């Protein structure tokens, strides 16, 4: 099974040493006429995701108040990953 979550970046915080950026995402249940907004949140009204990003190239990628997709699907564990 696969699903797509539409989540809002609720907080971005950089550590004092500037080496880590912590990013929080939340889903929001919106009973609207926009089918995309209800596809995930209707049956999972609450979801949270926290990322601790240490790759400085990715710092600044996520912006508070912006929406992002999270695609969720099973991983084929029979493959060898390097």
N, C-alpha and C. Protein backbone atom coordinates (compact mmCIF):
# COMPACT_ATOMS: atom_id res chain seq x y z
N UNK A 1 0.83 -1.18 0.00
CA UNK A 1 0.00 0.00 0.00
C UNK A 1 0.88 1.25 0.00
N UNK A 2 0.44 2.23 -0.73
CA UNK A 2 1.15 3.51 -0.77
C UNK A 2 0.17 4.62 -0.43
N UNK A 3 0.69 5.68 0.17
CA UNK A 3 -0.13 6.85 0.44
C UNK A 3 0.73 8.09 0.38
N UNK A 4 0.10 9.20 0.21
CA UNK A 4 0.80 10.48 0.17
C UNK A 4 0.23 11.38 1.26
N UNK A 5 1.11 11.93 2.07
CA UNK A 5 0.71 12.86 3.12
C UNK A 5 1.11 14.27 2.69
N UNK A 6 0.20 15.20 2.89
CA UNK A 6 0.50 16.61 2.64
C UNK A 6 0.68 17.24 4.02
N UNK A 7 1.90 17.69 4.29
CA UNK A 7 2.21 18.19 5.63
C UNK A 7 2.80 19.60 5.54
N UNK A 8 2.54 20.36 6.60
CA UNK A 8 3.06 21.72 6.66
C UNK A 8 4.31 21.75 7.53
N UNK A 9 5.30 22.49 7.09
CA UNK A 9 6.49 22.72 7.91
C UNK A 9 6.10 23.72 9.00
N UNK A 10 6.09 23.25 10.23
CA UNK A 10 5.62 24.10 11.33
C UNK A 10 6.75 24.82 12.07
N UNK A 11 7.97 24.30 11.94
CA UNK A 11 9.08 24.93 12.66
C UNK A 11 10.42 24.53 12.05
N UNK A 12 11.31 25.50 11.91
CA UNK A 12 12.69 25.25 11.48
C UNK A 12 13.59 25.92 12.50
N UNK A 13 14.54 25.15 13.01
CA UNK A 13 15.41 25.67 14.06
C UNK A 13 16.84 25.21 13.79
N UNK A 14 17.76 26.14 13.74
CA UNK A 14 19.16 25.81 13.55
C UNK A 14 19.88 25.84 14.89
N UNK A 15 20.76 24.88 15.11
CA UNK A 15 21.50 24.84 16.36
C UNK A 15 22.49 26.01 16.42
N UNK A 16 22.92 26.34 17.60
CA UNK A 16 23.82 27.49 17.79
C UNK A 16 25.11 27.35 17.00
N UNK A 17 25.62 26.12 16.87
CA UNK A 17 26.87 25.93 16.12
C UNK A 17 26.64 25.94 14.61
N UNK A 18 25.36 25.99 14.16
CA UNK A 18 25.04 26.06 12.75
C UNK A 18 25.22 24.76 11.98
N UNK A 19 25.52 23.68 12.68
CA UNK A 19 25.80 22.42 11.99
C UNK A 19 24.58 21.55 11.79
N UNK A 20 23.51 21.84 12.51
CA UNK A 20 22.31 21.02 12.44
C UNK A 20 21.09 21.91 12.28
N UNK A 21 20.18 21.47 11.43
CA UNK A 21 18.90 22.15 11.28
C UNK A 21 17.81 21.14 11.65
N UNK A 22 16.97 21.50 12.60
CA UNK A 22 15.87 20.66 13.03
C UNK A 22 14.59 21.18 12.39
N UNK A 23 13.82 20.27 11.80
CA UNK A 23 12.62 20.66 11.05
C UNK A 23 11.46 19.80 11.51
N UNK A 24 10.33 20.44 11.80
CA UNK A 24 9.11 19.76 12.23
C UNK A 24 8.02 19.94 11.19
N UNK A 25 7.28 18.86 10.92
CA UNK A 25 6.15 18.88 10.00
C UNK A 25 4.92 18.33 10.71
N UNK A 26 3.76 18.87 10.37
CA UNK A 26 2.50 18.40 10.94
C UNK A 26 1.46 18.31 9.83
N UNK A 27 0.61 17.28 9.92
CA UNK A 27 -0.56 17.25 9.04
C UNK A 27 -1.67 18.00 9.75
N UNK A 28 -2.59 18.50 8.96
CA UNK A 28 -3.72 19.22 9.54
C UNK A 28 -4.99 18.69 8.91
N UNK A 29 -5.95 18.34 9.74
CA UNK A 29 -7.21 17.88 9.21
C UNK A 29 -8.04 19.07 8.78
N UNK A 30 -8.34 19.14 7.51
CA UNK A 30 -9.15 20.22 6.97
C UNK A 30 -10.34 19.60 6.25
N UNK A 31 -11.50 19.80 6.78
CA UNK A 31 -12.70 19.29 6.13
C UNK A 31 -13.12 20.29 5.05
N UNK A 32 -12.42 20.24 3.92
CA UNK A 32 -12.65 21.20 2.85
C UNK A 32 -13.14 20.48 1.60
N UNK A 33 -13.39 21.24 0.58
CA UNK A 33 -13.80 20.68 -0.70
C UNK A 33 -12.60 20.31 -1.57
N UNK A 34 -11.40 20.45 -1.03
CA UNK A 34 -10.19 20.11 -1.79
C UNK A 34 -9.86 18.65 -1.52
N UNK A 35 -10.13 17.75 -2.49
CA UNK A 35 -9.92 16.32 -2.26
C UNK A 35 -8.49 15.98 -1.82
N UNK A 36 -7.51 16.67 -2.37
CA UNK A 36 -6.12 16.39 -2.02
C UNK A 36 -5.88 16.56 -0.52
N UNK A 37 -6.47 17.59 0.07
CA UNK A 37 -6.25 17.85 1.49
C UNK A 37 -6.87 16.79 2.37
N UNK A 38 -7.91 16.12 1.88
CA UNK A 38 -8.61 15.14 2.71
C UNK A 38 -8.18 13.70 2.44
N UNK A 39 -7.46 13.45 1.37
CA UNK A 39 -7.07 12.08 1.03
C UNK A 39 -6.35 11.40 2.18
N UNK A 40 -5.38 12.06 2.76
CA UNK A 40 -4.62 11.50 3.88
C UNK A 40 -5.26 11.85 5.21
N UNK A 41 -5.57 13.11 5.41
CA UNK A 41 -5.96 13.56 6.75
C UNK A 41 -7.33 13.09 7.20
N UNK A 42 -8.19 12.68 6.29
CA UNK A 42 -9.52 12.20 6.70
C UNK A 42 -9.40 10.97 7.58
N UNK A 43 -8.49 10.08 7.26
CA UNK A 43 -8.36 8.83 7.99
C UNK A 43 -7.17 8.83 8.96
N UNK A 44 -6.30 9.78 8.83
CA UNK A 44 -5.18 9.94 9.75
C UNK A 44 -5.09 11.44 10.06
N UNK A 45 -5.97 11.92 10.94
CA UNK A 45 -6.05 13.36 11.15
C UNK A 45 -4.84 13.98 11.83
N UNK A 46 -3.99 13.16 12.42
CA UNK A 46 -2.81 13.70 13.08
C UNK A 46 -1.58 12.94 12.63
N UNK A 47 -0.57 13.68 12.20
CA UNK A 47 0.71 13.07 11.83
C UNK A 47 1.79 14.10 12.11
N UNK A 48 2.94 13.62 12.54
CA UNK A 48 4.08 14.49 12.82
C UNK A 48 5.33 13.85 12.26
N UNK A 49 6.24 14.69 11.80
CA UNK A 49 7.52 14.22 11.31
C UNK A 49 8.59 15.20 11.77
N UNK A 50 9.69 14.66 12.24
CA UNK A 50 10.81 15.49 12.71
C UNK A 50 12.05 15.06 11.94
N UNK A 51 12.76 16.02 11.37
CA UNK A 51 14.00 15.75 10.67
C UNK A 51 15.14 16.49 11.36
N UNK A 52 16.23 15.80 11.57
CA UNK A 52 17.46 16.40 12.08
C UNK A 52 18.45 16.37 10.92
N UNK A 53 18.68 17.53 10.30
CA UNK A 53 19.47 17.60 9.07
C UNK A 53 20.88 18.10 9.38
N UNK A 54 21.87 17.26 9.11
CA UNK A 54 23.26 17.65 9.35
C UNK A 54 24.01 17.93 8.05
N UNK A 55 23.38 17.68 6.91
CA UNK A 55 23.98 17.99 5.61
C UNK A 55 23.74 19.47 5.33
N UNK A 56 24.77 20.28 5.42
CA UNK A 56 24.62 21.73 5.28
C UNK A 56 24.09 22.16 3.91
N UNK A 57 24.25 21.31 2.91
CA UNK A 57 23.72 21.62 1.58
C UNK A 57 22.19 21.71 1.63
N UNK A 58 21.57 20.96 2.54
CA UNK A 58 20.12 20.94 2.64
C UNK A 58 19.56 22.01 3.59
N UNK A 59 20.45 22.67 4.34
CA UNK A 59 19.97 23.71 5.25
C UNK A 59 19.27 24.80 4.46
N UNK A 60 18.12 25.24 4.95
CA UNK A 60 17.36 26.27 4.27
C UNK A 60 16.39 25.74 3.23
N UNK A 61 16.35 24.42 3.03
CA UNK A 61 15.46 23.82 2.05
C UNK A 61 13.99 23.97 2.44
N UNK A 62 13.69 23.76 3.72
CA UNK A 62 12.31 23.78 4.19
C UNK A 62 11.98 25.12 4.84
N UNK A 63 10.80 25.63 4.53
CA UNK A 63 10.37 26.94 5.01
C UNK A 63 9.11 26.79 5.87
N UNK A 64 9.09 27.46 7.01
CA UNK A 64 7.92 27.43 7.89
C UNK A 64 6.70 27.94 7.14
N UNK A 65 5.58 27.24 7.32
CA UNK A 65 4.33 27.63 6.69
C UNK A 65 4.12 27.07 5.30
N UNK A 66 5.17 26.47 4.70
CA UNK A 66 5.05 25.87 3.37
C UNK A 66 4.60 24.42 3.51
N UNK A 67 3.95 23.90 2.47
CA UNK A 67 3.46 22.52 2.47
C UNK A 67 4.38 21.64 1.63
N UNK A 68 4.50 20.37 2.07
CA UNK A 68 5.36 19.40 1.39
C UNK A 68 4.65 18.06 1.34
N UNK A 69 4.95 17.27 0.32
CA UNK A 69 4.42 15.92 0.21
C UNK A 69 5.38 14.93 0.85
N UNK A 70 4.83 13.96 1.53
CA UNK A 70 5.57 12.83 2.04
C UNK A 70 4.97 11.58 1.42
N UNK A 71 5.71 10.92 0.55
CA UNK A 71 5.23 9.69 -0.08
C UNK A 71 5.66 8.52 0.79
N UNK A 72 4.68 7.70 1.15
CA UNK A 72 4.92 6.58 2.06
C UNK A 72 4.61 5.29 1.31
N UNK A 73 5.64 4.45 1.19
CA UNK A 73 5.44 3.17 0.53
C UNK A 73 6.42 2.16 1.11
N UNK A 74 6.08 0.89 1.03
CA UNK A 74 6.96 -0.15 1.59
C UNK A 74 8.31 -0.19 0.87
N UNK A 75 9.31 -0.61 1.58
CA UNK A 75 10.65 -0.79 1.03
C UNK A 75 10.85 -2.25 0.71
N UNK A 76 11.40 -2.54 -0.45
CA UNK A 76 11.73 -3.91 -0.82
C UNK A 76 13.01 -4.30 -0.10
N UNK A 77 12.88 -5.02 0.98
CA UNK A 77 14.05 -5.38 1.79
C UNK A 77 14.85 -6.53 1.21
N UNK A 78 14.40 -7.08 0.09
CA UNK A 78 15.16 -8.14 -0.54
C UNK A 78 16.32 -7.60 -1.38
N UNK A 79 16.31 -6.28 -1.63
CA UNK A 79 17.39 -5.67 -2.40
C UNK A 79 18.57 -5.35 -1.48
N UNK A 80 19.76 -5.40 -2.04
CA UNK A 80 20.95 -5.03 -1.30
C UNK A 80 21.23 -3.54 -1.54
N UNK A 81 21.24 -2.76 -0.49
CA UNK A 81 21.52 -1.35 -0.60
C UNK A 81 22.93 -1.08 -0.12
N UNK A 82 23.63 -0.25 -0.87
CA UNK A 82 25.01 0.09 -0.52
C UNK A 82 25.05 1.49 0.01
